Amino acid sequence: MQSSCLYKECMRNHAAKLGSYAVDGCREYSQPSTGDLCAACGCHRSYHRRIEVQPSGQVTRARFPFTSLRRVKQLARLKWKAAAEDREEQEEQEEEDTEETSTEERMTVKRRRKSKFTAEQREAMRDYAAKLGWTLKDKRAVREEISIFCERIGVTRYLFKTWVNNNKKFYH
């Protein structure tokens, strides 16, 4: 099933060299006897707006059969619920003693836990970061020392690095 096409108005910008925009006003591509140049304006056929025309016997289906945005959102929610239930079933298979959760709990998005430090940890990290010059770049030589410091105060090296990057503009 081949579709034919029509060429409509000319879209060529004749003033492009001048830095402006101007079309010649050719309303429809006039088929010449030979070649692909428009008989009316002299432009190539590719400069004219192309419209696909389907034969009348050919039935086309809409790409999205939805009638409204409400229906799209409803289908997305159903798909999300099904994916969440599949994940839960996999978790239940891993842990047999899991309690049933309500639908509202399944709908909530899991957020990343925010790190909280005690006053002593913040004070120790501030002093140690000042000793390092508030930068951890090129500190491979003291990486082991940083790891020991982090173990001593009870934070991971990654959290310490993040804290330094987030707080150096306040303390440095």
Protein backbone atom coordinates (compact mmCIF):
# COMPACT_ATOMS: atom_id res chain seq x y z
CA MET A 1 0.00 0.00 0.00
CA GLN A 2 1.73 3.06 -1.25
CA SER A 3 0.70 6.52 -0.27
CA SER A 4 0.93 9.35 -2.73
CA CYS A 5 1.86 12.89 -1.82
CA LEU A 6 0.98 16.42 -2.78
CA TYR A 7 3.31 19.40 -2.72
CA LYS A 8 1.78 22.66 -1.50
CA GLU A 9 3.22 26.15 -0.90
CA CYS A 10 6.90 26.93 -1.35
CA MET A 11 8.83 27.18 1.93
CA ARG A 12 12.16 28.34 0.47
CA ASN A 13 13.73 31.33 2.22
CA HIS A 14 14.89 33.54 -0.62
CA ALA A 15 16.46 36.14 1.68
CA ALA A 16 18.62 33.73 3.70
CA LYS A 17 21.84 35.22 2.31
CA LEU A 18 20.76 38.64 3.55
CA GLY A 19 20.02 37.33 7.05
CA SER A 20 16.29 37.81 6.69
CA TYR A 21 13.27 35.66 5.85
CA ALA A 22 11.18 35.96 2.69
CA VAL A 23 9.23 33.44 0.65
CA ASP A 24 8.09 34.02 -2.92
CA GLY A 25 4.38 33.37 -2.39
CA CYS A 26 4.05 30.32 -4.64
CA ARG A 27 0.87 28.70 -3.31
CA GLU A 28 1.20 25.25 -4.86
CA TYR A 29 3.79 23.18 -6.66
CA SER A 30 3.14 23.18 -10.39
CA GLN A 31 4.24 19.91 -11.95
CA PRO A 32 6.60 20.64 -14.84
CA SER A 33 6.73 18.50 -17.94
CA THR A 34 10.31 17.41 -17.10
CA GLY A 35 12.41 17.48 -13.93
CA ASP A 36 11.60 18.39 -10.35
CA LEU A 37 11.63 22.19 -10.59
CA CYS A 38 8.34 24.01 -9.92
CA ALA A 39 6.93 25.60 -13.06
CA ALA A 40 5.56 28.54 -10.99
CA CYS A 41 8.54 29.59 -8.85
CA GLY A 42 11.49 27.62 -10.22
CA CYS A 43 12.38 26.03 -6.86
CA HIS A 44 13.07 22.34 -6.43
CA ARG A 45 10.16 20.19 -5.31
CA SER A 46 11.83 19.53 -1.92
CA TYR A 47 11.30 23.21 -0.95
CA HIS A 48 7.53 22.77 -1.11
CA ARG A 49 5.49 21.55 1.88
CA ARG A 50 4.77 17.86 1.43
CA ILE A 51 1.41 16.32 2.38
CA GLU A 52 0.87 12.56 2.46
CA VAL A 53 -2.39 11.49 0.84
CA GLN A 54 -3.72 8.03 1.67
CA PRO A 55 -5.99 6.12 -0.74
CA SER A 56 -9.63 6.21 0.39
CA GLY A 57 -9.81 2.43 0.92
CA GLN A 58 -6.89 2.44 3.36
CA VAL A 59 -7.82 2.64 7.03
CA THR A 60 -5.37 4.29 9.37
CA ARG A 61 -5.26 3.65 13.10
CA ALA A 62 -4.57 6.36 15.58
CA ARG A 63 -1.20 6.03 17.24
CA PHE A 64 -2.68 6.62 20.68
CA PRO A 65 -6.21 5.25 21.06
CA PHE A 66 -6.85 7.31 24.20
CA THR A 67 -9.74 9.70 24.32
CA SER A 68 -8.52 11.92 27.12
CA LEU A 69 -5.61 12.82 29.33
CA ARG A 70 -7.49 11.37 32.29
CA ARG A 71 -7.48 7.95 30.60
CA VAL A 72 -3.74 8.21 29.85
CA LYS A 73 -2.99 8.98 33.50
CA GLN A 74 -5.27 6.15 34.66
CA LEU A 75 -3.47 3.64 32.44
CA ALA A 76 -0.08 4.91 33.63
CA ARG A 77 -1.15 4.47 37.27
CA LEU A 78 -2.37 0.94 36.58
CA LYS A 79 0.91 0.09 34.87
CA TRP A 80 2.85 1.57 37.80
CA LYS A 81 0.77 -0.42 40.31
CA ALA A 82 1.35 -3.65 38.40
CA ALA A 83 5.12 -3.03 38.36
CA ALA A 84 5.08 -2.25 42.09
CA GLU A 85 3.12 -5.42 42.81
CA ASP A 86 5.59 -7.48 40.76
CA ARG A 87 8.48 -5.99 42.75
CA GLU A 88 6.67 -6.75 45.99
CA GLU A 89 6.04 -10.34 44.94
CA GLN A 90 9.74 -10.77 44.27
CA GLU A 91 10.58 -9.29 47.67
CA GLU A 92 8.02 -11.58 49.33
CA GLN A 93 9.62 -14.58 47.70
CA GLU A 94 12.95 -13.51 49.17
CA GLU A 95 11.49 -12.79 52.60
CA GLU A 96 8.65 -15.11 53.57
CA ASP A 97 7.74 -13.30 56.77
CA THR A 98 6.83 -10.00 55.07
CA GLU A 99 3.62 -8.33 56.27
CA GLU A 100 0.93 -7.17 53.83
CA THR A 101 1.17 -3.49 52.93
CA SER A 102 -1.72 -1.26 52.00
CA THR A 103 -2.20 0.22 48.53
CA GLU A 104 -1.35 3.70 49.83
CA GLU A 105 2.00 2.48 51.13
CA ARG A 106 2.76 0.91 47.75
CA MET A 107 1.92 4.17 45.97
CA THR A 108 4.43 6.24 47.94
CA VAL A 109 7.75 6.84 46.27
CA LYS A 110 10.77 5.76 48.26
CA ARG A 111 12.88 8.78 49.05
CA ARG A 112 16.57 8.81 49.75
CA ARG A 113 17.37 8.97 53.44
CA LYS A 114 18.94 12.27 54.45
CA SER A 115 22.16 12.00 56.42
CA LYS A 116 22.08 13.48 59.91
CA PHE A 117 25.21 14.18 61.87
CA THR A 118 25.65 14.89 65.54
CA ALA A 119 27.25 18.14 66.71
CA GLU A 120 30.44 16.26 67.62
CA GLN A 121 30.65 14.68 64.17
CA ARG A 122 30.14 18.05 62.44
CA GLU A 123 32.81 19.67 64.64
CA ALA A 124 35.29 16.85 63.95
CA MET A 125 34.58 16.93 60.21
CA ARG A 126 34.99 20.73 60.11
CA ASP A 127 38.36 20.56 61.89
CA TYR A 128 39.64 17.71 59.71
CA ALA A 129 38.43 19.38 56.50
CA ALA A 130 40.23 22.57 57.50
CA LYS A 131 43.39 20.51 58.06
CA LEU A 132 42.99 19.06 54.51
CA GLY A 133 42.40 22.51 53.03
CA TRP A 134 38.69 21.89 52.29
CA THR A 135 39.49 19.80 49.23
CA LEU A 136 39.76 16.07 48.72
CA LYS A 137 41.23 16.26 45.22
CA ASP A 138 44.59 14.60 44.82
CA LYS A 139 44.48 13.27 48.38
CA ARG A 140 45.21 9.68 47.38
CA ALA A 141 48.21 9.72 49.67
CA VAL A 142 46.02 10.39 52.70
CA ARG A 143 43.08 8.21 51.65
CA GLU A 144 43.88 5.63 54.32
CA GLU A 145 44.14 8.37 56.95
CA ILE A 146 40.74 9.74 55.86
CA SER A 147 39.22 6.26 56.11
CA ILE A 148 40.57 5.84 59.65
CA PHE A 149 39.21 9.27 60.62
CA CYS A 150 35.77 8.40 59.20
CA GLU A 151 35.66 5.08 61.06
CA ARG A 152 36.59 6.86 64.28
CA ILE A 153 33.72 9.36 64.07
CA GLY A 154 31.23 6.85 62.61
CA VAL A 155 30.58 8.09 59.06
CA THR A 156 31.51 6.66 55.69
CA ARG A 157 34.20 8.20 53.53
CA TYR A 158 31.58 8.97 50.88
CA LEU A 159 29.41 10.88 53.38
CA PHE A 160 32.46 12.80 54.61
CA LYS A 161 33.39 13.75 51.03
CA THR A 162 29.81 14.87 50.32
CA TRP A 163 29.68 16.89 53.55
CA VAL A 164 32.96 18.63 52.68
CA ASN A 165 31.74 19.52 49.18
CA ASN A 166 28.42 20.82 50.51
CA ASN A 167 29.86 22.85 53.40
CA LYS A 168 33.18 24.26 52.20
CA LYS A 169 31.58 27.50 51.04
CA PHE A 170 30.16 28.12 54.54
CA TYR A 171 33.28 27.36 56.57
CA HIS A 172 36.21 27.99 54.22
